N, C-alpha and C. Protein backbone atom coordinates (compact mmCIF):
# COMPACT_ATOMS: atom_id res chain seq x y z
N MET A 1 214.71 147.54 -11.26
CA MET A 1 215.01 147.10 -12.62
C MET A 1 214.68 148.23 -13.60
N ASP A 2 215.55 148.48 -14.55
CA ASP A 2 215.40 149.54 -15.54
C ASP A 2 214.42 149.10 -16.63
N PRO A 3 213.28 149.82 -16.77
CA PRO A 3 212.30 149.41 -17.78
C PRO A 3 212.82 149.55 -19.21
N TRP A 4 213.71 150.52 -19.46
CA TRP A 4 214.25 150.69 -20.80
C TRP A 4 215.15 149.51 -21.17
N HIS A 5 215.90 149.04 -20.21
CA HIS A 5 216.76 147.88 -20.46
C HIS A 5 215.92 146.67 -20.84
N GLU A 6 214.82 146.48 -20.12
CA GLU A 6 213.92 145.36 -20.42
C GLU A 6 213.28 145.52 -21.80
N TYR A 7 212.93 146.75 -22.13
CA TYR A 7 212.31 147.00 -23.43
C TYR A 7 213.28 146.74 -24.57
N VAL A 8 214.54 147.17 -24.38
CA VAL A 8 215.56 146.92 -25.39
C VAL A 8 215.76 145.42 -25.57
N LYS A 9 215.78 144.69 -24.48
CA LYS A 9 215.91 143.22 -24.57
C LYS A 9 214.73 142.65 -25.35
N HIS A 10 213.53 143.16 -25.09
CA HIS A 10 212.34 142.70 -25.80
C HIS A 10 212.47 142.96 -27.30
N LEU A 11 212.92 144.18 -27.67
CA LEU A 11 213.07 144.50 -29.09
C LEU A 11 214.13 143.65 -29.77
N ILE A 12 215.20 143.37 -29.05
CA ILE A 12 216.25 142.50 -29.60
C ILE A 12 215.68 141.11 -29.84
N GLY A 13 214.86 140.65 -28.91
CA GLY A 13 214.22 139.36 -29.08
C GLY A 13 213.31 139.32 -30.29
N VAL A 14 212.54 140.37 -30.48
CA VAL A 14 211.65 140.44 -31.64
C VAL A 14 212.46 140.46 -32.92
N ALA A 15 213.55 141.23 -32.93
CA ALA A 15 214.37 141.34 -34.13
C ALA A 15 215.06 140.03 -34.48
N THR A 16 215.47 139.28 -33.48
CA THR A 16 216.18 138.03 -33.75
C THR A 16 215.24 136.93 -34.21
N VAL A 17 213.96 137.02 -33.86
CA VAL A 17 213.00 136.01 -34.31
C VAL A 17 212.79 136.13 -35.81
N GLY A 18 212.86 137.39 -36.32
CA GLY A 18 212.77 137.62 -37.75
C GLY A 18 211.40 137.28 -38.32
N GLY A 19 211.40 136.53 -39.42
CA GLY A 19 210.17 136.23 -40.15
C GLY A 19 209.20 135.33 -39.41
N ASN A 20 209.59 134.75 -38.29
CA ASN A 20 208.68 133.87 -37.55
C ASN A 20 207.73 134.65 -36.63
N ASP A 21 207.94 135.92 -36.47
CA ASP A 21 207.09 136.72 -35.59
C ASP A 21 205.98 137.35 -36.40
N GLU A 22 204.74 137.14 -35.99
CA GLU A 22 203.57 137.68 -36.68
C GLU A 22 203.66 139.19 -36.87
N ARG A 23 204.13 139.91 -35.86
CA ARG A 23 204.19 141.36 -35.94
C ARG A 23 205.13 141.82 -37.05
N VAL A 24 206.21 141.11 -37.25
CA VAL A 24 207.17 141.48 -38.27
C VAL A 24 206.64 141.13 -39.66
N THR A 25 206.04 139.96 -39.80
CA THR A 25 205.55 139.55 -41.12
C THR A 25 204.37 140.41 -41.58
N ARG A 26 203.57 140.91 -40.65
CA ARG A 26 202.46 141.79 -41.02
C ARG A 26 202.91 143.22 -41.18
N GLY A 27 204.11 143.55 -40.77
CA GLY A 27 204.63 144.90 -40.91
C GLY A 27 204.22 145.85 -39.81
N ALA A 28 203.82 145.36 -38.67
CA ALA A 28 203.35 146.23 -37.59
C ALA A 28 204.44 147.17 -37.09
N PHE A 29 205.70 146.78 -37.23
CA PHE A 29 206.78 147.63 -36.75
C PHE A 29 207.35 148.53 -37.85
N SER A 30 206.84 148.41 -39.06
CA SER A 30 207.43 149.18 -40.14
C SER A 30 206.43 150.03 -40.90
N SER A 31 205.24 150.22 -40.39
CA SER A 31 204.28 151.04 -41.12
C SER A 31 203.81 152.21 -40.27
N GLY A 32 203.77 153.37 -40.92
CA GLY A 32 203.25 154.57 -40.27
C GLY A 32 204.18 155.16 -39.24
N TRP A 33 203.98 156.42 -38.98
CA TRP A 33 204.79 157.10 -37.97
C TRP A 33 203.99 157.38 -36.72
N ALA A 34 202.67 157.23 -36.81
CA ALA A 34 201.81 157.44 -35.65
C ALA A 34 200.60 156.54 -35.80
N ILE A 35 200.20 155.93 -34.73
CA ILE A 35 199.05 155.04 -34.76
C ILE A 35 197.84 155.84 -34.30
N GLY A 36 196.77 155.81 -35.06
CA GLY A 36 195.56 156.54 -34.73
C GLY A 36 194.76 156.83 -35.98
N THR A 37 193.70 157.57 -35.83
CA THR A 37 192.87 157.90 -36.97
C THR A 37 193.59 158.88 -37.89
N ALA A 38 193.15 158.97 -39.12
CA ALA A 38 193.76 159.89 -40.08
C ALA A 38 193.64 161.33 -39.58
N GLY A 39 192.50 161.69 -39.00
CA GLY A 39 192.31 163.04 -38.48
C GLY A 39 193.27 163.36 -37.35
N TRP A 40 193.48 162.39 -36.48
CA TRP A 40 194.40 162.59 -35.36
C TRP A 40 195.83 162.77 -35.88
N ARG A 41 196.23 161.96 -36.87
CA ARG A 41 197.58 162.07 -37.42
C ARG A 41 197.79 163.42 -38.09
N LYS A 42 196.77 163.90 -38.82
CA LYS A 42 196.88 165.22 -39.46
C LYS A 42 197.00 166.32 -38.41
N ALA A 43 196.20 166.23 -37.36
CA ALA A 43 196.27 167.23 -36.29
C ALA A 43 197.63 167.20 -35.62
N LEU A 44 198.16 166.01 -35.39
CA LEU A 44 199.48 165.88 -34.76
C LEU A 44 200.56 166.46 -35.67
N ALA A 45 200.48 166.16 -36.96
CA ALA A 45 201.46 166.69 -37.91
C ALA A 45 201.38 168.21 -37.97
N ARG A 46 200.16 168.75 -37.99
CA ARG A 46 199.96 170.20 -38.03
C ARG A 46 200.56 170.85 -36.78
N GLU A 47 200.34 170.22 -35.65
CA GLU A 47 200.82 170.77 -34.38
C GLU A 47 202.35 170.81 -34.32
N HIS A 48 203.00 169.82 -34.93
CA HIS A 48 204.46 169.72 -34.81
C HIS A 48 205.21 170.04 -36.10
N ARG A 49 204.53 170.55 -37.12
CA ARG A 49 205.19 170.76 -38.41
C ARG A 49 206.34 171.76 -38.34
N HIS A 50 206.28 172.71 -37.42
CA HIS A 50 207.37 173.70 -37.34
C HIS A 50 208.67 173.08 -36.87
N HIS A 51 208.63 171.93 -36.22
CA HIS A 51 209.85 171.28 -35.75
C HIS A 51 210.68 170.71 -36.89
N ALA A 52 210.04 170.45 -38.02
CA ALA A 52 210.76 169.83 -39.13
C ALA A 52 211.84 170.75 -39.69
N LEU A 53 211.59 172.05 -39.70
CA LEU A 53 212.56 172.98 -40.26
C LEU A 53 213.71 173.26 -39.28
N ALA A 54 213.38 173.66 -38.08
CA ALA A 54 214.40 173.96 -37.09
C ALA A 54 213.76 173.94 -35.70
N PRO A 55 214.06 172.92 -34.92
CA PRO A 55 213.40 172.79 -33.62
C PRO A 55 213.67 173.94 -32.67
N GLU A 56 214.75 174.68 -32.87
CA GLU A 56 215.07 175.77 -31.96
C GLU A 56 214.32 177.06 -32.32
N MET A 57 213.63 177.07 -33.45
CA MET A 57 212.90 178.26 -33.89
C MET A 57 211.43 178.15 -33.52
N SER A 58 210.82 179.30 -33.26
CA SER A 58 209.38 179.31 -32.96
C SER A 58 208.59 179.18 -34.25
N ALA A 59 207.34 178.81 -34.13
CA ALA A 59 206.48 178.67 -35.30
C ALA A 59 206.35 180.01 -36.04
N ASN A 60 206.31 181.11 -35.30
CA ASN A 60 206.21 182.43 -35.94
C ASN A 60 207.46 182.76 -36.75
N GLU A 61 208.62 182.42 -36.21
CA GLU A 61 209.87 182.67 -36.94
C GLU A 61 209.92 181.85 -38.22
N ILE A 62 209.49 180.62 -38.14
CA ILE A 62 209.48 179.75 -39.31
C ILE A 62 208.48 180.27 -40.35
N ALA A 63 207.32 180.73 -39.89
CA ALA A 63 206.31 181.29 -40.80
C ALA A 63 206.88 182.51 -41.53
N GLU A 64 207.62 183.35 -40.81
CA GLU A 64 208.23 184.52 -41.45
C GLU A 64 209.24 184.10 -42.51
N LEU A 65 210.05 183.10 -42.20
CA LEU A 65 211.02 182.61 -43.18
C LEU A 65 210.33 182.07 -44.43
N LYS A 66 209.28 181.31 -44.22
CA LYS A 66 208.54 180.77 -45.36
C LYS A 66 207.97 181.89 -46.21
N THR A 67 207.40 182.90 -45.57
CA THR A 67 206.80 184.01 -46.30
C THR A 67 207.84 184.75 -47.13
N VAL A 68 209.00 184.98 -46.56
CA VAL A 68 210.08 185.63 -47.31
C VAL A 68 210.47 184.77 -48.51
N GLY A 69 210.56 183.47 -48.31
CA GLY A 69 210.87 182.56 -49.42
C GLY A 69 209.82 182.60 -50.52
N TRP A 70 208.55 182.67 -50.13
CA TRP A 70 207.48 182.75 -51.13
C TRP A 70 207.58 184.04 -51.93
N HIS A 71 207.90 185.15 -51.25
CA HIS A 71 208.05 186.43 -51.96
C HIS A 71 209.22 186.38 -52.94
N HIS A 72 210.32 185.78 -52.53
CA HIS A 72 211.47 185.64 -53.44
C HIS A 72 211.11 184.77 -54.64
N ALA A 73 210.38 183.69 -54.39
CA ALA A 73 209.97 182.81 -55.48
C ALA A 73 209.03 183.54 -56.44
N LEU A 74 208.14 184.36 -55.90
CA LEU A 74 207.23 185.14 -56.75
C LEU A 74 208.04 186.10 -57.62
N ASP A 75 208.97 186.81 -57.02
CA ASP A 75 209.81 187.74 -57.79
C ASP A 75 210.56 187.00 -58.90
N ALA A 76 211.11 185.86 -58.57
CA ALA A 76 211.87 185.08 -59.55
C ALA A 76 210.95 184.55 -60.67
N ALA A 77 209.72 184.20 -60.34
CA ALA A 77 208.80 183.67 -61.34
C ALA A 77 208.24 184.77 -62.24
N LEU A 78 208.19 186.00 -61.76
CA LEU A 78 207.69 187.10 -62.58
C LEU A 78 208.65 187.46 -63.72
N THR A 79 209.92 187.34 -63.48
CA THR A 79 210.93 187.75 -64.46
C THR A 79 210.79 187.02 -65.80
N PRO A 80 210.74 185.67 -65.83
CA PRO A 80 210.62 185.00 -67.13
C PRO A 80 209.31 185.33 -67.85
N CYS A 81 208.28 185.71 -67.10
CA CYS A 81 206.99 186.07 -67.71
C CYS A 81 207.03 187.46 -68.31
N GLY A 82 208.06 188.24 -67.95
CA GLY A 82 208.13 189.62 -68.38
C GLY A 82 207.08 190.48 -67.68
N LYS A 83 206.70 190.08 -66.48
CA LYS A 83 205.67 190.79 -65.72
C LYS A 83 206.26 191.38 -64.46
N SER A 84 205.51 192.32 -63.88
CA SER A 84 205.96 192.99 -62.65
C SER A 84 204.84 192.94 -61.62
N HIS A 85 205.13 193.46 -60.43
CA HIS A 85 204.10 193.54 -59.39
C HIS A 85 202.98 194.49 -59.81
N ALA A 86 203.32 195.50 -60.58
CA ALA A 86 202.30 196.42 -61.10
C ALA A 86 201.35 195.68 -62.05
N ASP A 87 201.90 194.77 -62.84
CA ASP A 87 201.06 193.96 -63.73
C ASP A 87 200.12 193.07 -62.94
N LEU A 88 200.59 192.56 -61.81
CA LEU A 88 199.73 191.73 -60.96
C LEU A 88 198.51 192.53 -60.49
N GLU A 89 198.74 193.79 -60.16
CA GLU A 89 197.65 194.64 -59.67
C GLU A 89 196.68 195.03 -60.77
N SER A 90 197.20 195.29 -61.97
CA SER A 90 196.36 195.82 -63.03
C SER A 90 195.66 194.75 -63.89
N ALA A 91 196.22 193.56 -63.95
CA ALA A 91 195.63 192.50 -64.79
C ALA A 91 194.36 191.94 -64.15
N PRO A 92 193.46 191.41 -64.96
CA PRO A 92 192.25 190.80 -64.40
C PRO A 92 192.57 189.65 -63.46
N LYS A 93 191.68 189.41 -62.52
CA LYS A 93 191.90 188.38 -61.51
C LYS A 93 192.17 187.00 -62.11
N GLY A 94 191.47 186.66 -63.17
CA GLY A 94 191.61 185.33 -63.75
C GLY A 94 192.53 185.26 -64.95
N ALA A 95 193.45 186.21 -65.09
CA ALA A 95 194.38 186.20 -66.24
C ALA A 95 195.15 184.88 -66.28
N GLU A 96 195.25 184.34 -67.47
CA GLU A 96 195.92 183.03 -67.63
C GLU A 96 197.33 183.03 -67.05
N TRP A 97 198.09 184.09 -67.28
CA TRP A 97 199.47 184.12 -66.79
C TRP A 97 199.52 184.14 -65.28
N LYS A 98 198.51 184.77 -64.64
CA LYS A 98 198.46 184.77 -63.18
C LYS A 98 198.19 183.36 -62.65
N ILE A 99 197.30 182.66 -63.31
CA ILE A 99 196.97 181.29 -62.89
C ILE A 99 198.17 180.38 -63.11
N ALA A 100 198.87 180.57 -64.23
CA ALA A 100 200.08 179.78 -64.48
C ALA A 100 201.14 180.08 -63.41
N LEU A 101 201.23 181.34 -63.03
CA LEU A 101 202.17 181.74 -61.98
C LEU A 101 201.79 181.09 -60.65
N ALA A 102 200.52 181.11 -60.32
CA ALA A 102 200.04 180.48 -59.09
C ALA A 102 200.35 178.98 -59.10
N ARG A 103 200.14 178.34 -60.23
CA ARG A 103 200.41 176.89 -60.34
C ARG A 103 201.91 176.62 -60.15
N THR A 104 202.74 177.45 -60.77
CA THR A 104 204.19 177.29 -60.62
C THR A 104 204.61 177.42 -59.16
N LEU A 105 204.10 178.46 -58.50
CA LEU A 105 204.45 178.67 -57.09
C LEU A 105 203.95 177.52 -56.21
N ARG A 106 202.72 177.05 -56.48
CA ARG A 106 202.17 175.96 -55.66
C ARG A 106 202.99 174.68 -55.82
N THR A 107 203.52 174.43 -57.00
CA THR A 107 204.28 173.20 -57.21
C THR A 107 205.74 173.31 -56.80
N THR A 108 206.26 174.54 -56.72
CA THR A 108 207.68 174.69 -56.37
C THR A 108 207.91 175.03 -54.91
N VAL A 109 207.18 176.01 -54.38
CA VAL A 109 207.43 176.43 -53.00
C VAL A 109 206.23 176.24 -52.08
N THR A 110 205.14 175.73 -52.61
CA THR A 110 203.92 175.35 -51.89
C THR A 110 203.36 176.38 -50.90
N PRO A 111 203.18 177.62 -51.34
CA PRO A 111 202.51 178.56 -50.43
C PRO A 111 201.04 178.21 -50.32
N PRO A 112 200.40 178.56 -49.23
CA PRO A 112 198.97 178.28 -49.10
C PRO A 112 198.15 179.21 -50.01
N TYR A 113 196.93 178.79 -50.30
CA TYR A 113 196.06 179.58 -51.16
C TYR A 113 195.83 180.99 -50.60
N ASP A 114 195.70 181.10 -49.29
CA ASP A 114 195.43 182.44 -48.74
C ASP A 114 196.61 183.38 -48.95
N TRP A 115 197.83 182.86 -49.00
CA TRP A 115 198.97 183.73 -49.29
C TRP A 115 198.96 184.10 -50.78
N LEU A 116 198.73 183.14 -51.65
CA LEU A 116 198.75 183.40 -53.09
C LEU A 116 197.73 184.45 -53.50
N ALA A 117 196.57 184.44 -52.89
CA ALA A 117 195.49 185.34 -53.27
C ALA A 117 195.90 186.80 -53.15
N TYR A 118 196.64 187.13 -52.12
CA TYR A 118 196.98 188.53 -51.88
C TYR A 118 197.98 189.10 -52.89
N PRO A 119 199.21 188.55 -53.01
CA PRO A 119 200.17 189.18 -53.92
C PRO A 119 199.81 189.02 -55.40
N LEU A 120 199.05 187.97 -55.73
CA LEU A 120 198.68 187.78 -57.14
C LEU A 120 197.44 188.58 -57.53
N HIS A 121 196.74 189.12 -56.53
CA HIS A 121 195.52 189.90 -56.78
C HIS A 121 194.52 189.10 -57.60
N VAL A 122 194.18 187.92 -57.10
CA VAL A 122 193.23 187.05 -57.80
C VAL A 122 191.94 186.86 -57.01
N GLY A 123 191.73 187.65 -55.99
CA GLY A 123 190.51 187.53 -55.21
C GLY A 123 190.76 186.77 -53.92
N LYS A 124 189.76 186.02 -53.53
CA LYS A 124 189.84 185.27 -52.27
C LYS A 124 190.61 183.96 -52.45
N PRO A 125 191.09 183.38 -51.34
CA PRO A 125 191.81 182.11 -51.43
C PRO A 125 191.01 181.02 -52.16
N ALA A 126 189.72 181.00 -51.94
CA ALA A 126 188.89 180.00 -52.62
C ALA A 126 188.94 180.20 -54.14
N SER A 127 189.09 181.44 -54.57
CA SER A 127 189.19 181.72 -56.01
C SER A 127 190.45 181.08 -56.59
N VAL A 128 191.55 181.19 -55.86
CA VAL A 128 192.81 180.58 -56.33
C VAL A 128 192.61 179.08 -56.49
N ARG A 129 192.01 178.48 -55.49
CA ARG A 129 191.77 177.04 -55.51
C ARG A 129 190.92 176.65 -56.73
N VAL A 130 189.89 177.44 -57.00
CA VAL A 130 189.01 177.16 -58.13
C VAL A 130 189.76 177.34 -59.45
N TYR A 131 190.49 178.44 -59.58
CA TYR A 131 191.25 178.67 -60.81
C TYR A 131 192.21 177.52 -61.09
N LEU A 132 192.91 177.07 -60.07
CA LEU A 132 193.89 176.01 -60.27
C LEU A 132 193.23 174.67 -60.57
N SER A 133 192.08 174.42 -59.99
CA SER A 133 191.41 173.13 -60.25
C SER A 133 190.75 173.11 -61.62
N GLN A 134 190.33 174.26 -62.14
CA GLN A 134 189.67 174.32 -63.44
C GLN A 134 190.64 174.20 -64.59
N ARG A 135 191.85 174.61 -64.38
CA ARG A 135 192.81 174.65 -65.50
C ARG A 135 193.96 173.68 -65.29
N ASN A 136 193.64 172.44 -65.00
CA ASN A 136 194.71 171.44 -64.83
C ASN A 136 195.20 171.05 -66.14
């Protein structure tokens, strides 16, 4: 006997019962994508996040694509500010325009703090996090 066939029959039975089935009324079949602790779900999502973009690509290839996208977004965000990469290097770490730039990038293309710290020349990744949290 095919176990999948039996399982499909079971699901059809559950679906046809509708609102009379406890599992359906409590939402057991319609909540969450993974059952487990929050930590386990985060670890699972982290482990498989590269599949969301393109399952045929390796995690390293996807990371490279993301990095290129972040660099393009940085270049595009510098233009309206009238700033350049040289300005990023010469301006103080906590310059308001740098923090505004970091906030824009975080909300539009979501680079991690450790990436932002390097091209923006704002110090360590923790510094970026602090700057952004202080100036909400």
